[in-house]
C-alpha atoms as a PDB file:
ATOM      1  CA  MET A   1     -16.315 -19.664 -28.293  1.00  0.00           C
ATOM      2  CA  GLY A   2     -16.664 -23.382 -27.566  1.00  0.00           C
ATOM      3  CA  ALA A   3     -13.113 -24.029 -28.720  1.00  0.00           C
ATOM      4  CA  GLY A   4     -11.826 -21.169 -26.598  1.00  0.00           C
ATOM      5  CA  LEU A   5     -13.626 -22.473 -23.526  1.00  0.00           C
ATOM      6  CA  ALA A   6     -12.191 -25.926 -24.136  1.00  0.00           C
ATOM      7  CA  LEU A   7      -8.696 -24.438 -24.259  1.00  0.00           C
ATOM      8  CA  ILE A   8      -9.214 -22.594 -20.985  1.00  0.00           C
ATOM      9  CA  VAL A   9     -10.497 -25.750 -19.329  1.00  0.00           C
ATOM     10  CA  GLY A  10      -7.480 -27.566 -20.752  1.00  0.00           C
ATOM     11  CA  GLU A  11      -5.178 -24.925 -19.296  1.00  0.00           C
ATOM     12  CA  GLY A  12      -6.751 -25.270 -15.874  1.00  0.00           C
ATOM     13  CA  TYR A  13      -6.460 -29.046 -16.039  1.00  0.00           C
ATOM     14  CA  TRP A  14      -2.834 -28.782 -17.153  1.00  0.00           C
ATOM     15  CA  ALA A  15      -1.961 -26.305 -14.415  1.00  0.00           C
ATOM     16  CA  ARG A  16      -3.567 -28.350 -11.647  1.00  0.00           C
ATOM     17  CA  ASN A  17      -1.983 -31.599 -12.775  1.00  0.00           C
ATOM     18  CA  THR A  18       1.423 -30.483 -14.039  1.00  0.00           C
ATOM     19  CA  ILE A  19       2.446 -27.777 -11.588  1.00  0.00           C
ATOM     20  CA  SER A  20       3.420 -29.285  -8.274  1.00  0.00           C
ATOM     21  CA  ILE A  21       1.357 -27.698  -5.493  1.00  0.00           C
ATOM     22  CA  SER A  22       2.826 -28.085  -2.052  1.00  0.00           C
ATOM     23  CA  ALA A  23       0.498 -28.680   0.887  1.00  0.00           C
ATOM     24  CA  GLU A  24       2.848 -26.645   3.072  1.00  0.00           C
ATOM     25  CA  LYS A  25       1.522 -23.161   3.704  1.00  0.00           C
ATOM     26  CA  PRO A  26       3.793 -20.138   4.084  1.00  0.00           C
ATOM     27  CA  PRO A  27       4.196 -18.951   7.687  1.00  0.00           C
ATOM     28  CA  SER A  28       1.673 -16.398   8.882  1.00  0.00           C
ATOM     29  CA  ALA A  29       2.931 -12.816   8.834  1.00  0.00           C
ATOM     30  CA  ASP A  30       0.030 -11.453  10.867  1.00  0.00           C
ATOM     31  CA  GLY A  31       1.086  -9.047  13.573  1.00  0.00           C
ATOM     32  CA  LEU A  32       2.222  -5.554  14.441  1.00  0.00           C
ATOM     33  CA  TYR A  33       5.024  -3.975  12.416  1.00  0.00           C
ATOM     34  CA  GLY A  34       6.853  -0.872  13.586  1.00  0.00           C
ATOM     35  CA  ASP A  35       5.733  -1.349  17.181  1.00  0.00           C
ATOM     36  CA  ASP A  36       8.496   1.058  18.263  1.00  0.00           C
ATOM     37  CA  LEU A  37       6.796   3.878  16.342  1.00  0.00           C
ATOM     38  CA  GLY A  38       4.265   6.305  17.748  1.00  0.00           C
ATOM     39  CA  GLY A  39       0.634   6.700  16.796  1.00  0.00           C
ATOM     40  CA  LYS A  40      -2.381   4.439  16.458  1.00  0.00           C
ATOM     41  CA  PRO A  41      -1.685   1.279  14.415  1.00  0.00           C
ATOM     42  CA  LEU A  42      -3.111   1.234  10.898  1.00  0.00           C
ATOM     43  CA  SER A  43      -5.159  -1.931  10.401  1.00  0.00           C
ATOM     44  CA  VAL A  44      -4.533  -3.595   7.017  1.00  0.00           C
ATOM     45  CA  LEU A  45      -6.676  -6.517   5.857  1.00  0.00           C
ATOM     46  CA  ILE A  46      -5.291  -8.607   2.994  1.00  0.00           C
ATOM     47  CA  ILE A  47      -7.533 -10.899   0.974  1.00  0.00           C
ATOM     48  CA  GLY A  48      -7.004 -12.830  -2.249  1.00  0.00           C
ATOM     49  CA  ASP A  49      -5.019 -15.784  -3.558  1.00  0.00           C
ATOM     50  CA  SER A  50      -1.521 -17.315  -3.473  1.00  0.00           C
ATOM     51  CA  SER A  51      -0.025 -14.230  -5.140  1.00  0.00           C
ATOM     52  CA  ILE A  52      -0.433 -12.289  -1.902  1.00  0.00           C
ATOM     53  CA  VAL A  53      -0.142 -15.249   0.485  1.00  0.00           C
ATOM     54  CA  GLY A  54       3.410 -15.856  -0.701  1.00  0.00           C
ATOM     55  CA  TYR A  55       3.179 -19.427  -1.951  1.00  0.00           C
ATOM     56  CA  GLY A  56       6.536 -21.190  -1.796  1.00  0.00           C
ATOM     57  CA  MET A  57       8.060 -19.013   0.915  1.00  0.00           C
ATOM     58  CA  THR A  58       9.328 -20.628   4.113  1.00  0.00           C
ATOM     59  CA  ARG A  59      10.418 -17.515   6.046  1.00  0.00           C
ATOM     60  CA  ILE A  60       8.002 -14.900   7.379  1.00  0.00           C
ATOM     61  CA  ASP A  61      10.170 -12.036   6.119  1.00  0.00           C
ATOM     62  CA  ASP A  62       9.922 -13.364   2.551  1.00  0.00           C
ATOM     63  CA  THR A  63       6.109 -13.308   2.378  1.00  0.00           C
ATOM     64  CA  PRO A  64       4.259 -10.388   0.741  1.00  0.00           C
ATOM     65  CA  PRO A  65       2.223  -9.548   3.897  1.00  0.00           C
ATOM     66  CA  ALA A  66       5.434  -9.171   5.924  1.00  0.00           C
ATOM     67  CA  MET A  67       7.088  -7.097   3.187  1.00  0.00           C
ATOM     68  CA  LEU A  68       4.006  -4.887   3.128  1.00  0.00           C
ATOM     69  CA  GLY A  69       3.967  -4.464   6.901  1.00  0.00           C
ATOM     70  CA  VAL A  70       7.654  -3.552   7.052  1.00  0.00           C
ATOM     71  CA  GLY A  71       7.447  -1.239   4.038  1.00  0.00           C
ATOM     72  CA  LEU A  72       4.321   0.630   5.178  1.00  0.00           C
ATOM     73  CA  ALA A  73       5.700   1.113   8.688  1.00  0.00           C
ATOM     74  CA  HIS A  74       8.814   2.670   7.162  1.00  0.00           C
ATOM     75  CA  VAL A  75       7.031   4.850   4.581  1.00  0.00           C
ATOM     76  CA  LEU A  76       4.215   6.042   6.861  1.00  0.00           C
ATOM     77  CA  ASP A  77       6.322   6.116  10.037  1.00  0.00           C
ATOM     78  CA  ARG A  78       3.567   4.510  12.096  1.00  0.00           C
ATOM     79  CA  PRO A  79       2.687   1.047  13.414  1.00  0.00           C
ATOM     80  CA  ILE A  80       1.006  -1.284  10.927  1.00  0.00           C
ATOM     81  CA  GLU A  81      -1.251  -4.163  11.964  1.00  0.00           C
ATOM     82  CA  ILE A  82      -1.267  -6.825   9.232  1.00  0.00           C
ATOM     83  CA  ASN A  83      -4.075  -9.370   9.055  1.00  0.00           C
ATOM     84  CA  SER A  84      -4.140 -11.690   6.047  1.00  0.00           C
ATOM     85  CA  ARG A  85      -7.146 -13.846   5.228  1.00  0.00           C
ATOM     86  CA  ALA A  86      -5.951 -14.663   1.709  1.00  0.00           C
ATOM     87  CA  VAL A  87      -6.048 -18.342   0.725  1.00  0.00           C
ATOM     88  CA  ILE A  88      -3.978 -20.335  -1.773  1.00  0.00           C
ATOM     89  CA  GLY A  89      -6.161 -21.296  -4.730  1.00  0.00           C
ATOM     90  CA  ALA A  90      -8.828 -18.671  -3.998  1.00  0.00           C
ATOM     91  CA  LYS A  91     -11.125 -17.303  -6.700  1.00  0.00           C
ATOM     92  CA  SER A  92     -13.191 -14.126  -6.719  1.00  0.00           C
ATOM     93  CA  SER A  93     -16.137 -16.127  -5.404  1.00  0.00           C
ATOM     94  CA  ASP A  94     -14.126 -16.742  -2.214  1.00  0.00           C
ATOM     95  CA  LEU A  95     -13.667 -13.064  -1.358  1.00  0.00           C
ATOM     96  CA  ASP A  96     -16.927 -12.872   0.573  1.00  0.00           C
ATOM     97  CA  SER A  97     -15.908 -15.604   3.018  1.00  0.00           C
ATOM     98  CA  GLN A  98     -12.463 -14.012   3.435  1.00  0.00           C
ATOM     99  CA  ILE A  99     -14.116 -10.711   4.355  1.00  0.00           C
ATOM    100  CA  ASP A 100     -16.250 -12.574   6.895  1.00  0.00           C
ATOM    101  CA  ALA A 101     -13.060 -14.016   8.393  1.00  0.00           C
ATOM    102  CA  GLY A 102     -11.427 -10.587   8.626  1.00  0.00           C
ATOM    103  CA  ALA A 103     -14.369  -8.423   9.646  1.00  0.00           C
ATOM    104  CA  ASP A 104     -13.330  -8.390  13.307  1.00  0.00           C
ATOM    105  CA  THR A 105     -10.022  -6.693  12.401  1.00  0.00           C
ATOM    106  CA  GLU A 106     -11.885  -3.439  11.631  1.00  0.00           C
ATOM    107  CA  PRO A 107      -9.624  -2.622   8.666  1.00  0.00           C
ATOM    108  CA  ASP A 108      -8.574   0.891   7.754  1.00  0.00           C
ATOM    109  CA  ILE A 109      -7.081  -0.447   4.502  1.00  0.00           C
ATOM    110  CA  ALA A 110      -8.086  -3.521   2.510  1.00  0.00           C
ATOM    111  CA  LEU A 111      -5.861  -4.965  -0.196  1.00  0.00           C
ATOM    112  CA  ILE A 112      -7.346  -7.394  -2.741  1.00  0.00           C
ATOM    113  CA  VAL A 113      -5.109  -9.467  -5.021  1.00  0.00           C
ATOM    114  CA  ILE A 114      -7.203 -11.907  -7.074  1.00  0.00           C
ATOM    115  CA  GLY A 115      -7.809 -13.224 -10.571  1.00  0.00           C
ATOM    116  CA  ALA A 116      -5.307 -15.897 -11.600  1.00  0.00           C
ATOM    117  CA  ASN A 117      -7.435 -18.805 -10.378  1.00  0.00           C
ATOM    118  CA  ASP A 118     -10.528 -17.373 -12.042  1.00  0.00           C
ATOM    119  CA  VAL A 119      -8.613 -17.741 -15.314  1.00  0.00           C
ATOM    120  CA  THR A 120      -7.287 -21.253 -14.682  1.00  0.00           C
ATOM    121  CA  HIS A 121     -10.725 -22.424 -13.550  1.00  0.00           C
ATOM    122  CA  ALA A 122     -12.366 -21.023 -16.695  1.00  0.00           C
ATOM    123  CA  ARG A 123     -14.651 -18.652 -14.803  1.00  0.00           C
ATOM    124  CA  ARG A 124     -16.351 -15.884 -16.730  1.00  0.00           C
ATOM    125  CA  PRO A 125     -14.466 -12.588 -16.337  1.00  0.00           C
ATOM    126  CA  SER A 126     -17.755 -10.705 -16.076  1.00  0.00           C
ATOM    127  CA  GLU A 127     -18.875 -12.890 -13.165  1.00  0.00           C
ATOM    128  CA  ALA A 128     -15.521 -12.527 -11.405  1.00  0.00           C
ATOM    129  CA  SER A 129     -15.630  -8.740 -11.764  1.00  0.00           C
ATOM    130  CA  ARG A 130     -19.158  -8.635 -10.281  1.00  0.00           C
ATOM    131  CA  GLU A 131     -17.911 -10.604  -7.287  1.00  0.00           C
ATOM    132  CA  LEU A 132     -15.029  -8.168  -6.934  1.00  0.00           C
ATOM    133  CA  THR A 133     -17.464  -5.240  -6.957  1.00  0.00           C
ATOM    134  CA  ALA A 134     -19.504  -6.863  -4.204  1.00  0.00           C
ATOM    135  CA  ALA A 135     -16.355  -7.370  -2.119  1.00  0.00           C
ATOM    136  CA  ILE A 136     -15.294  -3.735  -2.562  1.00  0.00           C
ATOM    137  CA  ASN A 137     -18.762  -2.516  -1.577  1.00  0.00           C
ATOM    138  CA  ARG A 138     -18.670  -4.620   1.591  1.00  0.00           C
ATOM    139  CA  LEU A 139     -15.230  -3.365   2.554  1.00  0.00           C
ATOM    140  CA  THR A 140     -16.004   0.313   1.918  1.00  0.00           C
ATOM    141  CA  GLY A 141     -19.194  -0.164   3.920  1.00  0.00           C
ATOM    142  CA  MET A 142     -16.960  -1.278   6.800  1.00  0.00           C
ATOM    143  CA  GLY A 143     -15.038   1.992   6.511  1.00  0.00           C
ATOM    144  CA  ALA A 144     -11.966   0.632   4.717  1.00  0.00           C
ATOM    145  CA  LYS A 145     -10.092   2.229   1.862  1.00  0.00           C
ATOM    146  CA  VAL A 146      -9.754  -0.453  -0.818  1.00  0.00           C
ATOM    147  CA  ILE A 147      -6.846  -1.163  -3.149  1.00  0.00           C
ATOM    148  CA  VAL A 148      -7.178  -3.788  -5.896  1.00  0.00           C
ATOM    149  CA  ALA A 149      -4.173  -5.354  -7.616  1.00  0.00           C
ATOM    150  CA  THR A 150      -5.597  -6.729 -10.850  1.00  0.00           C
ATOM    151  CA  CYS A 151      -5.021 -10.114 -12.479  1.00  0.00           C
ATOM    152  CA  PRO A 152      -1.439 -10.678 -13.678  1.00  0.00           C
ATOM    153  CA  ASP A 153      -0.658 -11.560 -17.286  1.00  0.00           C
ATOM    154  CA  LEU A 154      -0.642 -15.361 -17.227  1.00  0.00           C
ATOM    155  CA  GLY A 155       0.569 -15.385 -20.804  1.00  0.00           C
ATOM    156  CA  SER A 156       4.073 -14.776 -19.482  1.00  0.00           C
ATOM    157  CA  VAL A 157       4.115 -18.098 -17.607  1.00  0.00           C
ATOM    158  CA  LYS A 158       6.397 -19.910 -20.037  1.00  0.00           C
ATOM    159  CA  PRO A 159       5.685 -23.509 -18.931  1.00  0.00           C
ATOM    160  CA  LEU A 160       2.146 -23.096 -20.271  1.00  0.00           C
ATOM    161  CA  PRO A 161       2.061 -24.728 -23.725  1.00  0.00           C
ATOM    162  CA  GLN A 162       0.770 -22.886 -26.780  1.00  0.00           C
ATOM    163  CA  PRO A 163      -1.939 -22.067 -27.689  1.00  0.00           C
ATOM    164  CA  LEU A 164      -2.985 -22.140 -24.024  1.00  0.00           C
ATOM    165  CA  ARG A 165      -0.430 -19.476 -23.132  1.00  0.00           C
ATOM    166  CA  MET A 166      -1.761 -17.109 -25.788  1.00  0.00           C
ATOM    167  CA  LEU A 167      -5.338 -17.668 -24.637  1.00  0.00           C
ATOM    168  CA  ALA A 168      -4.291 -17.220 -20.999  1.00  0.00           C
ATOM    169  CA  ARG A 169      -2.857 -13.814 -21.921  1.00  0.00           C
ATOM    170  CA  ILE A 170      -6.053 -12.743 -23.668  1.00  0.00           C
ATOM    171  CA  VAL A 171      -8.353 -13.898 -20.870  1.00  0.00           C
ATOM    172  CA  SER A 172      -6.211 -12.599 -17.995  1.00  0.00           C
ATOM    173  CA  ARG A 173      -5.908  -9.168 -19.613  1.00  0.00           C
ATOM    174  CA  ARG A 174      -9.636  -9.127 -20.257  1.00  0.00           C
ATOM    175  CA  LEU A 175     -10.250  -9.914 -16.588  1.00  0.00           C
ATOM    176  CA  ALA A 176      -7.739  -7.261 -15.483  1.00  0.00           C
ATOM    177  CA  THR A 177      -9.558  -4.658 -17.595  1.00  0.00           C
ATOM    178  CA  LEU A 178     -12.929  -5.551 -16.069  1.00  0.00           C
ATOM    179  CA  GLN A 179     -11.426  -5.581 -12.574  1.00  0.00           C
ATOM    180  CA  ALA A 180      -9.948  -2.117 -13.049  1.00  0.00           C
ATOM    181  CA  THR A 181     -13.254  -0.778 -14.356  1.00  0.00           C
ATOM    182  CA  ALA A 182     -15.235  -2.380 -11.534  1.00  0.00           C
ATOM    183  CA  GLY A 183     -12.746  -1.239  -8.908  1.00  0.00           C
ATOM    184  CA  VAL A 184     -12.698   2.424  -9.896  1.00  0.00           C
ATOM    185  CA  ARG A 185     -16.468   2.561 -10.297  1.00  0.00           C
ATOM    186  CA  ALA A 186     -16.863   1.119  -6.795  1.00  0.00           C
ATOM    187  CA  GLY A 187     -14.490   3.743  -5.377  1.00  0.00           C
ATOM    188  CA  ALA A 188     -11.310   1.662  -5.020  1.00  0.00           C
ATOM    189  CA  ARG A 189      -7.825   2.471  -6.210  1.00  0.00           C
ATOM    190  CA  THR A 190      -6.487  -0.130  -8.632  1.00  0.00           C
ATOM    191  CA  VAL A 191      -2.985  -1.049  -9.748  1.00  0.00           C
ATOM    192  CA  SER A 192      -2.127  -3.225 -12.720  1.00  0.00           C
ATOM    193  CA  LEU A 193       0.214  -6.173 -12.158  1.00  0.00           C
ATOM    194  CA  ALA A 194       0.298  -7.080 -15.848  1.00  0.00           C
ATOM    195  CA  GLY A 195       3.820  -5.804 -16.403  1.00  0.00           C
ATOM    196  CA  LEU A 196       5.149  -7.601 -13.349  1.00  0.00           C
ATOM    197  CA  LEU A 197       4.379 -10.925 -14.986  1.00  0.00           C
ATOM    198  CA  GLY A 198       5.237  -9.404 -18.331  1.00  0.00           C
ATOM    199  CA  SER A 199       8.458  -7.721 -19.400  1.00  0.00           C
ATOM    200  CA  LEU A 200      10.181  -7.928 -16.011  1.00  0.00           C
ATOM    201  CA  PHE A 201       9.329 -11.590 -15.479  1.00  0.00           C
ATOM    202  CA  ASP A 202      10.160 -12.394 -19.108  1.00  0.00           C
ATOM    203  CA  ALA A 203      13.566 -10.756 -18.874  1.00  0.00           C
ATOM    204  CA  LYS A 204      14.479 -12.321 -15.529  1.00  0.00           C
ATOM    205  CA  ALA A 205      12.331 -15.454 -15.431  1.00  0.00           C
ATOM    206  CA  ASP A 206      15.071 -17.483 -13.741  1.00  0.00           C
ATOM    207  CA  ILE A 207      15.030 -15.038 -10.825  1.00  0.00           C
ATOM    208  CA  MET A 208      11.449 -13.798 -10.713  1.00  0.00           C
ATOM    209  CA  PHE A 209       9.755 -17.217 -10.706  1.00  0.00           C
ATOM    210  CA  GLY A 210       9.985 -19.840  -7.992  1.00  0.00           C
ATOM    211  CA  VAL A 211      10.980 -23.467  -8.414  1.00  0.00           C
ATOM    212  CA  ASP A 212       7.592 -24.444  -9.892  1.00  0.00           C
ATOM    213  CA  ARG A 213       8.093 -21.767 -12.627  1.00  0.00           C
ATOM    214  CA  PHE A 214       4.493 -20.658 -12.053  1.00  0.00           C
ATOM    215  CA  HIS A 215       4.455 -18.793  -8.726  1.00  0.00           C
ATOM    216  CA  PRO A 216       6.814 -15.869  -8.052  1.00  0.00           C
ATOM    217  CA  SER A 217      10.071 -16.189  -6.155  1.00  0.00           C
ATOM    218  CA  ARG A 218      10.953 -13.970  -3.200  1.00  0.00           C
ATOM    219  CA  GLU A 219      12.302 -11.406  -5.687  1.00  0.00           C
ATOM    220  CA  GLY A 220       9.098 -11.640  -7.683  1.00  0.00           C
ATOM    221  CA  TYR A 221       6.951 -11.003  -4.630  1.00  0.00           C
ATOM    222  CA  ALA A 222       9.202  -8.116  -3.561  1.00  0.00           C
ATOM    223  CA  ASN A 223       8.781  -6.397  -6.923  1.00  0.00           C
ATOM    224  CA  MET A 224       5.014  -6.872  -6.715  1.00  0.00           C
ATOM    225  CA  ILE A 225       4.967  -5.219  -3.294  1.00  0.00           C
ATOM    226  CA  SER A 226       7.187  -2.392  -4.584  1.00  0.00           C
ATOM    227  CA  VAL A 227       4.343  -1.389  -6.917  1.00  0.00           C
ATOM    228  CA  ILE A 228       1.469  -1.947  -4.486  1.00  0.00           C
ATOM    229  CA  LEU A 229       3.039  -0.205  -1.483  1.00  0.00           C
ATOM    230  CA  PRO A 230       3.049   3.402  -2.812  1.00  0.00           C
ATOM    231  CA  VAL A 231      -0.587   3.043  -3.909  1.00  0.00           C
ATOM    232  CA  ILE A 232      -1.587   2.073  -0.382  1.00  0.00           C
ATOM    233  CA  ALA A 233       0.533   4.857   1.092  1.00  0.00           C
ATOM    234  CA  ALA A 234      -1.117   7.391  -1.213  1.00  0.00           C
ATOM    235  CA  SER A 235      -4.587   6.264  -0.154  1.00  0.00           C
ATOM    236  CA  VAL A 236      -3.671   6.635   3.515  1.00  0.00           C
ATOM    237  CA  ARG A 237      -2.410  10.181   3.163  1.00  0.00           C
ATOM    238  CA  GLU A 238      -5.786  11.895   3.087  1.00  0.00           C
ATOM    239  CA  ARG A 239      -4.238  15.343   2.927  1.00  0.00           C
ATOM    240  CA  GLU A 240      -2.238  14.369  -0.152  1.00  0.00           C
ATOM    241  CA  GLU A 241      -5.063  13.654  -2.533  1.00  0.00           C
ATOM    242  CA  PHE A 242      -4.186  12.068  -5.866  1.00  0.00           C
ATOM    243  CA  VAL A 243      -3.462  14.923  -8.293  1.00  0.00           C
ATOM    244  CA  PRO A 244      -2.704  13.940 -11.898  1.00  0.00           C
ATOM    245  CA  SER A 245      -0.370  16.015 -14.004  1.00  0.00           C
ATOM    246  CA  ASP A 246      -1.798  18.698 -16.240  1.00  0.00           C
ATOM    247  CA  THR A 247      -1.475  16.658 -19.426  1.00  0.00           C
ATOM    248  CA  PRO A 248      -4.880  15.535 -20.764  1.00  0.00           C
ATOM    249  CA  ARG A 249      -3.803  11.900 -21.151  1.00  0.00           C
ATOM    250  CA  ASP A 250      -3.730  11.520 -17.343  1.00  0.00           C
ATOM    251  CA  MET A 251      -7.523  11.805 -17.110  1.00  0.00           C
ATOM    252  CA  LEU A 252      -9.429   9.175 -19.057  1.00  0.00           C
ATOM    253  CA  PRO A 253     -12.920   7.698 -19.103  1.00  0.00           C
ATOM    254  CA  ILE A 254     -12.966   4.726 -16.735  1.00  0.00           C
ATOM    255  CA  ALA A 255     -13.241   2.070 -19.463  1.00  0.00           C
ATOM    256  CA  ALA A 256     -10.357   3.552 -21.466  1.00  0.00           C
ATOM    257  CA  ALA A 257      -8.197   3.897 -18.364  1.00  0.00           C
ATOM    258  CA  ALA A 258      -8.881   0.287 -17.384  1.00  0.00           C
ATOM    259  CA  LEU A 259      -7.897  -0.912 -20.859  1.00  0.00           C
ATOM    260  CA  ARG A 260      -4.597   0.953 -20.625  1.00  0.00           C
ATOM    261  CA  ALA A 261      -3.924  -0.434 -17.145  1.00  0.00           C
ATOM    262  CA  SER A 262      -4.511  -4.036 -18.254  1.00  0.00           C
ATOM    263  CA  SER A 263      -1.558  -3.867 -20.653  1.00  0.00           C
ATOM    264  CA  ARG A 264       0.831  -1.657 -18.690  1.00  0.00           C
ATOM    265  CA  GLY A 265       2.085  -2.946 -15.377  1.00  0.00           C
ATOM    266  CA  GLY A 266       2.141  -0.694 -12.345  1.00  0.00           C
ATOM    267  CA  THR A 267      -0.636   1.587 -13.630  1.00  0.00           C
ATOM    268  CA  GLU A 268      -2.647   3.073 -10.766  1.00  0.00           C
ATOM    269  CA  LEU A 269      -6.212   4.257 -11.310  1.00  0.00           C
ATOM    270  CA  ALA A 270      -7.926   6.568  -8.841  1.00  0.00           C
ATOM    271  CA  PRO A 271     -11.659   7.404  -8.991  1.00  0.00           C
ATOM    272  CA  ALA A 272     -12.517  10.880 -10.298  1.00  0.00           C
ATOM    273  CA  GLY A 273     -16.275  10.853 -10.879  1.00  0.00           C
ATOM    274  CA  LYS A 274     -17.009   9.316 -14.270  1.00  0.00           C
ATOM    275  CA  TRP A 275     -13.308   9.561 -15.086  1.00  0.00           C
ATOM    276  CA  ALA A 276     -10.177   7.930 -13.739  1.00  0.00           C
ATOM    277  CA  ALA A 277      -6.906   9.635 -12.889  1.00  0.00           C
ATOM    278  CA  VAL A 278      -3.990   7.625 -14.287  1.00  0.00           C
ATOM    279  CA  ARG A 279      -0.539   7.300 -12.765  1.00  0.00           C
ATOM    280  CA  HIS A 280       2.196   4.950 -13.948  1.00  0.00           C
ATOM    281  CA  ARG A 281       4.307   3.336 -11.279  1.00  0.00           C
ATOM    282  CA  ARG A 282       7.506   1.546 -12.193  1.00  0.00           C
ATOM    283  CA  ALA A 283       8.728  -1.756 -10.757  1.00  0.00           C
ATOM    284  CA  THR A 284      12.471  -1.332 -10.444  1.00  0.00           C
ATOM    285  CA  TRP A 285      14.514  -4.512 -10.352  1.00  0.00           C
ATOM    286  CA  ALA A 286      17.571  -4.662  -8.112  1.00  0.00           C
ATOM    287  CA  PRO A 287      19.637  -7.859  -7.768  1.00  0.00           C
ATOM    288  CA  HIS A 288      19.429  -7.725  -3.976  1.00  0.00           C
ATOM    289  CA  TYR A 289      16.151  -5.871  -3.597  1.00  0.00           C
ATOM    290  CA  ARG A 290      15.210  -5.423   0.059  1.00  0.00           C
ATOM    291  CA  LEU A 291      12.532  -3.357   1.688  1.00  0.00           C
ATOM    292  CA  PRO A 292      13.639  -1.090   4.551  1.00  0.00           C
ATOM    293  CA  ARG A 293      13.521  -2.987   7.821  1.00  0.00           C
ATOM    294  CA  ARG A 294      11.682  -2.013  10.968  1.00  0.00           C
ATOM    295  CA  ARG A 295      11.431  -4.053  14.120  1.00  0.00           C
ATOM    296  CA  ALA A 296       8.291  -6.164  13.922  1.00  0.00           C
ATOM    297  CA  ARG A 297       6.407  -8.232  16.453  1.00  0.00           C
ATOM    298  CA  VAL A 298       4.695 -11.195  14.790  1.00  0.00           C
END
């Protein structure tokens, strides 16, 4: 255990000192999307780390919050109010302060994308998952439906030297499993991002990663949003409750479902009492992937 902890600490030190971190923040994508559509705007609060901030992007349209606003407005055919309080470098322990910062937005939907920095800072997965549970409980208490995108597979970040990369994969998948379990038990929908930094990013690393080879590129962020967006849309459509197929494998005990989700990207888990309903969503790569556009005021 001591040797493993030393490796994790070494990974965090390597990442913070080898990967160039720019002080320039992506432009804010907060605002109303689909303002030409009818109906009351849906308030979406986004919290988490650089994965959802859109580190490395210089245009609003290329950031995940903007992609989400445009995509949801198109899919739901209603105005979407995006408010992001996510912070580059954030850990699960920072979620509470981000919720404080976004409480006045009165969110209908809350999206949490967190975990990578818990791994690189050698934080205990069990502690991080408890902090996630507390955040979900606060958000549901505010009346929000919560969606959690679990920790990506950091073992697919090729610049990480071995054996740190192997250990990063083990720890990040362990954290993703605990996050999925905690999320479903707290009443949130969860979606696994493991595969998005797995087979897809492995096969197209030159396109999916940005210039630092650690954070996603615009295409990488777009594929992440392509998996998250339908999960949010499904949670909004109250009248279209999640209904798994009739095959027994689609209903699993929460712990077993979380384990499956940690190793298969795009897996959505929806609470069903002591069980979890499992749905597999596919991230489809297209060379010029673009979300449908709607006029946005930001």
